[in-house]
Amino acid sequence: MDASIFKKGIPSTTLKRKWRNLLLIIKTFITCEGRIGCMFFYHIRLMMQFLEGNEINLPYFLLKSLKKMTGNTQNKIQLLRILCIIMVS
């Protein structure tokens, strides 16, 4: 399956009502996101943790997620620094 079509997320309305509450809990307390209207593949992986027989290595998953987030944040900070230097000079 080509996942590139979901870069902006999948509408959370595509989930059944009983799964929307779980998605809201995951977004609020685990991933600390405010984008309630859409979900991404990592949300689906986390929701699979709550199904029987579909266990993931949760500490490894969260560590990998944090590393990805910090990498993205550091790239944005470096870009902002470069833009500030350009604006000042």
PDB file of N, CA and C in Angstrom:
ATOM      1  N   MET A   1       0.839  -1.186   0.000  1.00  0.00           N
ATOM      2  CA  MET A   1       0.000   0.000   0.000  1.00  0.00           C
ATOM      3  C   MET A   1       0.874   1.235   0.000  1.00  0.00           C
ATOM      4  N   ASP A   2       0.546   2.178  -0.844  1.00  0.00           N
ATOM      5  CA  ASP A   2       1.296   3.425  -0.920  1.00  0.00           C
ATOM      6  C   ASP A   2       0.794   4.366   0.164  1.00  0.00           C
ATOM      7  N   ALA A   3       1.625   4.593   1.166  1.00  0.00           N
ATOM      8  CA  ALA A   3       1.224   5.425   2.308  1.00  0.00           C
ATOM      9  C   ALA A   3       1.395   6.911   2.043  1.00  0.00           C
ATOM     10  N   SER A   4       1.993   7.280   0.911  1.00  0.00           N
ATOM     11  CA  SER A   4       2.250   8.693   0.646  1.00  0.00           C
ATOM     12  C   SER A   4       0.968   9.502   0.455  1.00  0.00           C
ATOM     13  N   ILE A   5      -0.142   8.846   0.162  1.00  0.00           N
ATOM     14  CA  ILE A   5      -1.390   9.585  -0.019  1.00  0.00           C
ATOM     15  C   ILE A   5      -1.952  10.073   1.310  1.00  0.00           C
ATOM     16  N   PHE A   6      -1.424   9.540   2.434  1.00  0.00           N
ATOM     17  CA  PHE A   6      -1.924   9.897   3.753  1.00  0.00           C
ATOM     18  C   PHE A   6      -0.979  10.831   4.504  1.00  0.00           C
ATOM     19  N   LYS A   7      -0.162  11.622   3.811  1.00  0.00           N
ATOM     20  CA  LYS A   7       0.793  12.504   4.489  1.00  0.00           C
ATOM     21  C   LYS A   7       0.095  13.538   5.353  1.00  0.00           C
ATOM     22  N   LYS A   8      -1.086  13.942   4.966  1.00  0.00           N
ATOM     23  CA  LYS A   8      -1.825  14.920   5.766  1.00  0.00           C
ATOM     24  C   LYS A   8      -2.742  14.251   6.773  1.00  0.00           C
ATOM     25  N   GLY A   9      -2.679  12.956   6.863  1.00  0.00           N
ATOM     26  CA  GLY A   9      -3.469  12.229   7.844  1.00  0.00           C
ATOM     27  C   GLY A   9      -4.744  11.638   7.270  1.00  0.00           C
ATOM     28  N   ILE A  10      -5.294  10.743   8.044  1.00  0.00           N
ATOM     29  CA  ILE A  10      -6.551  10.093   7.703  1.00  0.00           C
ATOM     30  C   ILE A  10      -7.622  10.702   8.592  1.00  0.00           C
ATOM     31  N   PRO A  11      -8.756  11.092   8.050  1.00  0.00           N
ATOM     32  CA  PRO A  11      -9.804  11.669   8.906  1.00  0.00           C
ATOM     33  C   PRO A  11     -10.219  10.701  10.007  1.00  0.00           C
ATOM     34  N   SER A  12     -10.274  11.201  11.230  1.00  0.00           N
ATOM     35  CA  SER A  12     -10.625  10.327  12.351  1.00  0.00           C
ATOM     36  C   SER A  12     -12.084   9.898  12.302  1.00  0.00           C
ATOM     37  N   THR A  13     -12.870  10.521  11.464  1.00  0.00           N
ATOM     38  CA  THR A  13     -14.270  10.127  11.320  1.00  0.00           C
ATOM     39  C   THR A  13     -14.403   8.783  10.607  1.00  0.00           C
ATOM     40  N   THR A  14     -13.315   8.291   9.998  1.00  0.00           N
ATOM     41  CA  THR A  14     -13.374   6.989   9.344  1.00  0.00           C
ATOM     42  C   THR A  14     -13.372   5.845  10.356  1.00  0.00           C
ATOM     43  N   LEU A  15     -13.024   6.141  11.597  1.00  0.00           N
ATOM     44  CA  LEU A  15     -13.037   5.123  12.654  1.00  0.00           C
ATOM     45  C   LEU A  15     -14.450   4.913  13.191  1.00  0.00           C
ATOM     46  N   LYS A  16     -14.674   3.726  13.711  1.00  0.00           N
ATOM     47  CA  LYS A  16     -15.931   3.494  14.414  1.00  0.00           C
ATOM     48  C   LYS A  16     -15.920   4.299  15.704  1.00  0.00           C
ATOM     49  N   ARG A  17     -17.082   4.599  16.208  1.00  0.00           N
ATOM     50  CA  ARG A  17     -17.225   5.464  17.382  1.00  0.00           C
ATOM     51  C   ARG A  17     -16.445   4.947  18.596  1.00  0.00           C
ATOM     52  N   LYS A  18     -16.439   3.618  18.807  1.00  0.00           N
ATOM     53  CA  LYS A  18     -15.758   3.067  19.982  1.00  0.00           C
ATOM     54  C   LYS A  18     -14.242   3.275  19.897  1.00  0.00           C
ATOM     55  N   TRP A  19     -13.674   3.383  18.688  1.00  0.00           N
ATOM     56  CA  TRP A  19     -12.241   3.598  18.534  1.00  0.00           C
ATOM     57  C   TRP A  19     -11.866   5.072  18.596  1.00  0.00           C
ATOM     58  N   ARG A  20     -12.818   5.953  18.340  1.00  0.00           N
ATOM     59  CA  ARG A  20     -12.520   7.401  18.399  1.00  0.00           C
ATOM     60  C   ARG A  20     -12.134   7.829  19.805  1.00  0.00           C
ATOM     61  N   ASN A  21     -12.785   7.256  20.820  1.00  0.00           N
ATOM     62  CA  ASN A  21     -12.434   7.596  22.203  1.00  0.00           C
ATOM     63  C   ASN A  21     -11.012   7.164  22.534  1.00  0.00           C
ATOM     64  N   LEU A  22     -10.633   5.973  22.081  1.00  0.00           N
ATOM     65  CA  LEU A  22      -9.274   5.503  22.306  1.00  0.00           C
ATOM     66  C   LEU A  22      -8.268   6.391  21.583  1.00  0.00           C
ATOM     67  N   LEU A  23      -8.595   6.791  20.367  1.00  0.00           N
ATOM     68  CA  LEU A  23      -7.722   7.688  19.614  1.00  0.00           C
ATOM     69  C   LEU A  23      -7.564   9.022  20.345  1.00  0.00           C
ATOM     70  N   LEU A  24      -8.641   9.529  20.902  1.00  0.00           N
ATOM     71  CA  LEU A  24      -8.580  10.785  21.652  1.00  0.00           C
ATOM     72  C   LEU A  24      -7.671  10.650  22.875  1.00  0.00           C
ATOM     73  N   ILE A  25      -7.756   9.533  23.573  1.00  0.00           N
ATOM     74  CA  ILE A  25      -6.897   9.303  24.743  1.00  0.00           C
ATOM     75  C   ILE A  25      -5.435   9.214  24.321  1.00  0.00           C
ATOM     76  N   ILE A  26      -5.164   8.497  23.233  1.00  0.00           N
ATOM     77  CA  ILE A  26      -3.788   8.379  22.750  1.00  0.00           C
ATOM     78  C   ILE A  26      -3.236   9.736  22.359  1.00  0.00           C
ATOM     79  N   LYS A  27      -4.024  10.526  21.648  1.00  0.00           N
ATOM     80  CA  LYS A  27      -3.545  11.838  21.212  1.00  0.00           C
ATOM     81  C   LYS A  27      -3.360  12.792  22.386  1.00  0.00           C
ATOM     82  N   THR A  28      -4.204  12.711  23.378  1.00  0.00           N
ATOM     83  CA  THR A  28      -4.137  13.640  24.500  1.00  0.00           C
ATOM     84  C   THR A  28      -3.022  13.296  25.474  1.00  0.00           C
ATOM     85  N   PHE A  29      -2.880  12.013  25.811  1.00  0.00           N
ATOM     86  CA  PHE A  29      -1.974  11.648  26.894  1.00  0.00           C
ATOM     87  C   PHE A  29      -0.660  11.007  26.447  1.00  0.00           C
ATOM     88  N   ILE A  30      -0.620  10.362  25.276  1.00  0.00           N
ATOM     89  CA  ILE A  30       0.608   9.688  24.857  1.00  0.00           C
ATOM     90  C   ILE A  30       1.389  10.537  23.859  1.00  0.00           C
ATOM     91  N   THR A  31       0.752  10.970  22.785  1.00  0.00           N
ATOM     92  CA  THR A  31       1.480  11.743  21.784  1.00  0.00           C
ATOM     93  C   THR A  31       1.350  13.252  21.989  1.00  0.00           C
ATOM     94  N   CYS A  32       0.472  13.675  22.889  1.00  0.00           N
ATOM     95  CA  CYS A  32       0.303  15.107  23.241  1.00  0.00           C
ATOM     96  C   CYS A  32       0.060  15.964  22.005  1.00  0.00           C
ATOM     97  N   GLU A  33      -0.869  15.556  21.188  1.00  0.00           N
ATOM     98  CA  GLU A  33      -1.185  16.296  19.971  1.00  0.00           C
ATOM     99  C   GLU A  33      -2.521  17.003  20.102  1.00  0.00           C
ATOM    100  N   GLY A  34      -2.648  18.049  19.329  1.00  0.00           N
ATOM    101  CA  GLY A  34      -3.895  18.778  19.312  1.00  0.00           C
ATOM    102  C   GLY A  34      -4.682  18.577  18.035  1.00  0.00           C
ATOM    103  N   ARG A  35      -4.124  17.817  17.097  1.00  0.00           N
ATOM    104  CA  ARG A  35      -4.806  17.588  15.822  1.00  0.00           C
ATOM    105  C   ARG A  35      -5.810  16.460  15.989  1.00  0.00           C
ATOM    106  N   ILE A  36      -6.989  16.786  16.466  1.00  0.00           N
ATOM    107  CA  ILE A  36      -7.996  15.770  16.770  1.00  0.00           C
ATOM    108  C   ILE A  36      -8.664  15.256  15.500  1.00  0.00           C
ATOM    109  N   GLY A  37      -8.716  16.051  14.463  1.00  0.00           N
ATOM    110  CA  GLY A  37      -9.467  15.695  13.264  1.00  0.00           C
ATOM    111  C   GLY A  37      -8.823  14.669  12.366  1.00  0.00           C
ATOM    112  N   CYS A  38      -7.544  14.355  12.572  1.00  0.00           N
ATOM    113  CA  CYS A  38      -6.895  13.384  11.704  1.00  0.00           C
ATOM    114  C   CYS A  38      -6.001  12.450  12.515  1.00  0.00           C
ATOM    115  N   MET A  39      -5.727  11.302  11.929  1.00  0.00           N
ATOM    116  CA  MET A  39      -4.836  10.343  12.579  1.00  0.00           C
ATOM    117  C   MET A  39      -3.784   9.910  11.571  1.00  0.00           C
ATOM    118  N   PHE A  40      -2.685   9.409  12.093  1.00  0.00           N
ATOM    119  CA  PHE A  40      -1.586   8.958  11.258  1.00  0.00           C
ATOM    120  C   PHE A  40      -1.293   7.499  11.561  1.00  0.00           C
ATOM    121  N   PHE A  41      -0.378   6.892  10.793  1.00  0.00           N
ATOM    122  CA  PHE A  41      -0.099   5.471  10.959  1.00  0.00           C
ATOM    123  C   PHE A  41       0.437   5.141  12.342  1.00  0.00           C
ATOM    124  N   TYR A  42       1.190   6.053  12.950  1.00  0.00           N
ATOM    125  CA  TYR A  42       1.701   5.742  14.288  1.00  0.00           C
ATOM    126  C   TYR A  42       0.575   5.686  15.310  1.00  0.00           C
ATOM    127  N   HIS A  43      -0.532   6.403  15.073  1.00  0.00           N
ATOM    128  CA  HIS A  43      -1.698   6.282  15.953  1.00  0.00           C
ATOM    129  C   HIS A  43      -2.321   4.891  15.814  1.00  0.00           C
ATOM    130  N   ILE A  44      -2.359   4.404  14.593  1.00  0.00           N
ATOM    131  CA  ILE A  44      -2.923   3.073  14.357  1.00  0.00           C
ATOM    132  C   ILE A  44      -2.061   2.019  15.039  1.00  0.00           C
ATOM    133  N   ARG A  45      -0.728   2.182  14.954  1.00  0.00           N
ATOM    134  CA  ARG A  45       0.162   1.229  15.624  1.00  0.00           C
ATOM    135  C   ARG A  45      -0.069   1.246  17.132  1.00  0.00           C
ATOM    136  N   LEU A  46      -0.260   2.422  17.696  1.00  0.00           N
ATOM    137  CA  LEU A  46      -0.520   2.506  19.134  1.00  0.00           C
ATOM    138  C   LEU A  46      -1.869   1.905  19.494  1.00  0.00           C
ATOM    139  N   MET A  47      -2.870   2.083  18.647  1.00  0.00           N
ATOM    140  CA  MET A  47      -4.180   1.500  18.929  1.00  0.00           C
ATOM    141  C   MET A  47      -4.123  -0.021  18.847  1.00  0.00           C
ATOM    142  N   MET A  48      -3.235  -0.551  18.002  1.00  0.00           N
ATOM    143  CA  MET A  48      -3.080  -1.998  17.897  1.00  0.00           C
ATOM    144  C   MET A  48      -2.552  -2.588  19.198  1.00  0.00           C
ATOM    145  N   GLN A  49      -1.880  -1.783  20.003  1.00  0.00           N
ATOM    146  CA  GLN A  49      -1.370  -2.238  21.295  1.00  0.00           C
ATOM    147  C   GLN A  49      -2.508  -2.710  22.198  1.00  0.00           C
ATOM    148  N   PHE A  50      -3.692  -2.151  22.010  1.00  0.00           N
ATOM    149  CA  PHE A  50      -4.828  -2.475  22.862  1.00  0.00           C
ATOM    150  C   PHE A  50      -5.646  -3.663  22.352  1.00  0.00           C
ATOM    151  N   LEU A  51      -5.264  -4.219  21.215  1.00  0.00           N
ATOM    152  CA  LEU A  51      -5.919  -5.420  20.699  1.00  0.00           C
ATOM    153  C   LEU A  51      -5.170  -6.648  21.185  1.00  0.00           C
ATOM    154  N   GLU A  52      -5.868  -7.722  21.366  1.00  0.00           N
ATOM    155  CA  GLU A  52      -5.229  -8.962  21.801  1.00  0.00           C
ATOM    156  C   GLU A  52      -4.380  -9.541  20.673  1.00  0.00           C
ATOM    157  N   GLY A  53      -3.185  -9.996  21.032  1.00  0.00           N
ATOM    158  CA  GLY A  53      -2.313 -10.649  20.059  1.00  0.00           C
ATOM    159  C   GLY A  53      -1.540  -9.707  19.162  1.00  0.00           C
ATOM    160  N   ASN A  54      -1.748  -8.418  19.262  1.00  0.00           N
ATOM    161  CA  ASN A  54      -1.045  -7.445  18.434  1.00  0.00           C
ATOM    162  C   ASN A  54      -0.194  -6.541  19.311  1.00  0.00           C
ATOM    163  N   GLU A  55       0.798  -7.119  19.933  1.00  0.00           N
ATOM    164  CA  GLU A  55       1.636  -6.333  20.825  1.00  0.00           C
ATOM    165  C   GLU A  55       2.819  -5.747  20.073  1.00  0.00           C
ATOM    166  N   ILE A  56       3.190  -4.541  20.445  1.00  0.00           N
ATOM    167  CA  ILE A  56       4.382  -3.900  19.918  1.00  0.00           C
ATOM    168  C   ILE A  56       5.308  -3.604  21.097  1.00  0.00           C
ATOM    169  N   ASN A  57       6.563  -3.373  20.802  1.00  0.00           N
ATOM    170  CA  ASN A  57       7.516  -3.006  21.836  1.00  0.00           C
ATOM    171  C   ASN A  57       7.306  -1.525  22.133  1.00  0.00           C
ATOM    172  N   LEU A  58       6.435  -1.221  23.074  1.00  0.00           N
ATOM    173  CA  LEU A  58       6.011   0.152  23.330  1.00  0.00           C
ATOM    174  C   LEU A  58       7.166   1.077  23.731  1.00  0.00           C
ATOM    175  N   PRO A  59       8.071   0.692  24.634  1.00  0.00           N
ATOM    176  CA  PRO A  59       9.184   1.606  24.953  1.00  0.00           C
ATOM    177  C   PRO A  59      10.049   1.924  23.728  1.00  0.00           C
ATOM    178  N   TYR A  60      10.332   0.921  22.904  1.00  0.00           N
ATOM    179  CA  TYR A  60      11.119   1.160  21.692  1.00  0.00           C
ATOM    180  C   TYR A  60      10.358   2.067  20.732  1.00  0.00           C
ATOM    181  N   PHE A  61       9.071   1.840  20.577  1.00  0.00           N
ATOM    182  CA  PHE A  61       8.252   2.652  19.685  1.00  0.00           C
ATOM    183  C   PHE A  61       8.250   4.111  20.132  1.00  0.00           C
ATOM    184  N   LEU A  62       8.065   4.341  21.445  1.00  0.00           N
ATOM    185  CA  LEU A  62       8.037   5.709  21.948  1.00  0.00           C
ATOM    186  C   LEU A  62       9.402   6.373  21.828  1.00  0.00           C
ATOM    187  N   LEU A  63      10.481   5.631  22.064  1.00  0.00           N
ATOM    188  CA  LEU A  63      11.826   6.181  21.907  1.00  0.00           C
ATOM    189  C   LEU A  63      12.079   6.573  20.457  1.00  0.00           C
ATOM    190  N   LYS A  64      11.694   5.709  19.536  1.00  0.00           N
ATOM    191  CA  LYS A  64      11.856   5.994  18.111  1.00  0.00           C
ATOM    192  C   LYS A  64      11.045   7.228  17.717  1.00  0.00           C
ATOM    193  N   SER A  65       9.854   7.341  18.254  1.00  0.00           N
ATOM    194  CA  SER A  65       8.997   8.486  17.976  1.00  0.00           C
ATOM    195  C   SER A  65       9.612   9.783  18.514  1.00  0.00           C
ATOM    196  N   LEU A  66      10.175   9.718  19.722  1.00  0.00           N
ATOM    197  CA  LEU A  66      10.832  10.899  20.300  1.00  0.00           C
ATOM    198  C   LEU A  66      12.051  11.321  19.503  1.00  0.00           C
ATOM    199  N   LYS A  67      12.839  10.349  19.046  1.00  0.00           N
ATOM    200  CA  LYS A  67      14.019  10.665  18.239  1.00  0.00           C
ATOM    201  C   LYS A  67      13.615  11.348  16.939  1.00  0.00           C
ATOM    202  N   LYS A  68      12.556  10.856  16.318  1.00  0.00           N
ATOM    203  CA  LYS A  68      12.071  11.451  15.071  1.00  0.00           C
ATOM    204  C   LYS A  68      11.582  12.876  15.323  1.00  0.00           C
ATOM    205  N   MET A  69      10.852  13.069  16.414  1.00  0.00           N
ATOM    206  CA  MET A  69      10.326  14.391  16.738  1.00  0.00           C
ATOM    207  C   MET A  69      11.452  15.380  17.022  1.00  0.00           C
ATOM    208  N   THR A  70      12.472  14.957  17.793  1.00  0.00           N
ATOM    209  CA  THR A  70      13.570  15.868  18.102  1.00  0.00           C
ATOM    210  C   THR A  70      14.372  16.204  16.856  1.00  0.00           C
ATOM    211  N   GLY A  71      14.528  15.240  15.960  1.00  0.00           N
ATOM    212  CA  GLY A  71      15.224  15.510  14.700  1.00  0.00           C
ATOM    213  C   GLY A  71      14.496  16.550  13.878  1.00  0.00           C
ATOM    214  N   ASN A  72      13.177  16.421  13.789  1.00  0.00           N
ATOM    215  CA  ASN A  72      12.376  17.403  13.043  1.00  0.00           C
ATOM    216  C   ASN A  72      12.443  18.773  13.697  1.00  0.00           C
ATOM    217  N   THR A  73      12.385  18.811  15.020  1.00  0.00           N
ATOM    218  CA  THR A  73      12.423  20.076  15.745  1.00  0.00           C
ATOM    219  C   THR A  73      13.783  20.747  15.571  1.00  0.00           C
ATOM    220  N   GLN A  74      14.863  19.981  15.672  1.00  0.00           N
ATOM    221  CA  GLN A  74      16.197  20.550  15.510  1.00  0.00           C
ATOM    222  C   GLN A  74      16.388  21.101  14.109  1.00  0.00           C
ATOM    223  N   ASN A  75      15.862  20.423  13.101  1.00  0.00           N
ATOM    224  CA  ASN A  75      15.956  20.924  11.727  1.00  0.00           C
ATOM    225  C   ASN A  75      15.225  22.243  11.580  1.00  0.00           C
ATOM    226  N   LYS A  76      14.054  22.371  12.201  1.00  0.00           N
ATOM    227  CA  LYS A  76      13.297  23.625  12.121  1.00  0.00           C
ATOM    228  C   LYS A  76      14.018  24.752  12.843  1.00  0.00           C
ATOM    229  N   ILE A  77      14.642  24.444  13.982  1.00  0.00           N
ATOM    230  CA  ILE A  77      15.379  25.468  14.734  1.00  0.00           C
ATOM    231  C   ILE A  77      16.574  25.945  13.917  1.00  0.00           C
ATOM    232  N   GLN A  78      17.298  25.025  13.276  1.00  0.00           N
ATOM    233  CA  GLN A  78      18.435  25.409  12.454  1.00  0.00           C
ATOM    234  C   GLN A  78      17.988  26.279  11.282  1.00  0.00           C
ATOM    235  N   LEU A  79      16.870  25.949  10.683  1.00  0.00           N
ATOM    236  CA  LEU A  79      16.346  26.753   9.583  1.00  0.00           C
ATOM    237  C   LEU A  79      15.986  28.151  10.067  1.00  0.00           C
ATOM    238  N   LEU A  80      15.361  28.250  11.249  1.00  0.00           N
ATOM    239  CA  LEU A  80      15.014  29.566  11.787  1.00  0.00           C
ATOM    240  C   LEU A  80      16.258  30.389  12.093  1.00  0.00           C
ATOM    241  N   ARG A  81      17.304  29.755  12.603  1.00  0.00           N
ATOM    242  CA  ARG A  81      18.559  30.471  12.870  1.00  0.00           C
ATOM    243  C   ARG A  81      19.155  31.015  11.578  1.00  0.00           C
ATOM    244  N   ILE A  82      19.151  30.206  10.531  1.00  0.00           N
ATOM    245  CA  ILE A  82      19.686  30.652   9.254  1.00  0.00           C
ATOM    246  C   ILE A  82      18.875  31.821   8.718  1.00  0.00           C
ATOM    247  N   LEU A  83      17.558  31.743   8.816  1.00  0.00           N
ATOM    248  CA  LEU A  83      16.704  32.841   8.349  1.00  0.00           C
ATOM    249  C   LEU A  83      16.945  34.116   9.154  1.00  0.00           C
ATOM    250  N   CYS A  84      17.147  33.985  10.458  1.00  0.00           N
ATOM    251  CA  CYS A  84      17.436  35.162  11.284  1.00  0.00           C
ATOM    252  C   CYS A  84      18.764  35.802  10.898  1.00  0.00           C
ATOM    253  N   ILE A  85      19.767  34.971  10.620  1.00  0.00           N
ATOM    254  CA  ILE A  85      21.085  35.500  10.204  1.00  0.00           C
ATOM    255  C   ILE A  85      20.956  36.226   8.884  1.00  0.00           C
ATOM    256  N   ILE A  86      20.191  35.671   7.962  1.00  0.00           N
ATOM    257  CA  ILE A  86      19.992  36.303   6.658  1.00  0.00           C
ATOM    258  C   ILE A  86      19.260  37.627   6.816  1.00  0.00           C
ATOM    259  N   MET A  87      18.253  37.671   7.694  1.00  0.00           N
ATOM    260  CA  MET A  87      17.471  38.891   7.880  1.00  0.00           C
ATOM    261  C   MET A  87      18.302  40.004   8.540  1.00  0.00           C
ATOM    262  N   VAL A  88      19.192  39.624   9.442  1.00  0.00           N
ATOM    263  CA  VAL A  88      19.993  40.621  10.160  1.00  0.00           C
ATOM    264  C   VAL A  88      21.072  41.189   9.241  1.00  0.00           C
ATOM    265  N   SER A  89      21.639  40.366   8.380  1.00  0.00           N
ATOM    266  CA  SER A  89      22.739  40.853   7.530  1.00  0.00           C
ATOM    267  C   SER A  89      22.248  41.543   6.287  1.00  0.00           C
TER     268      SER A  89
END
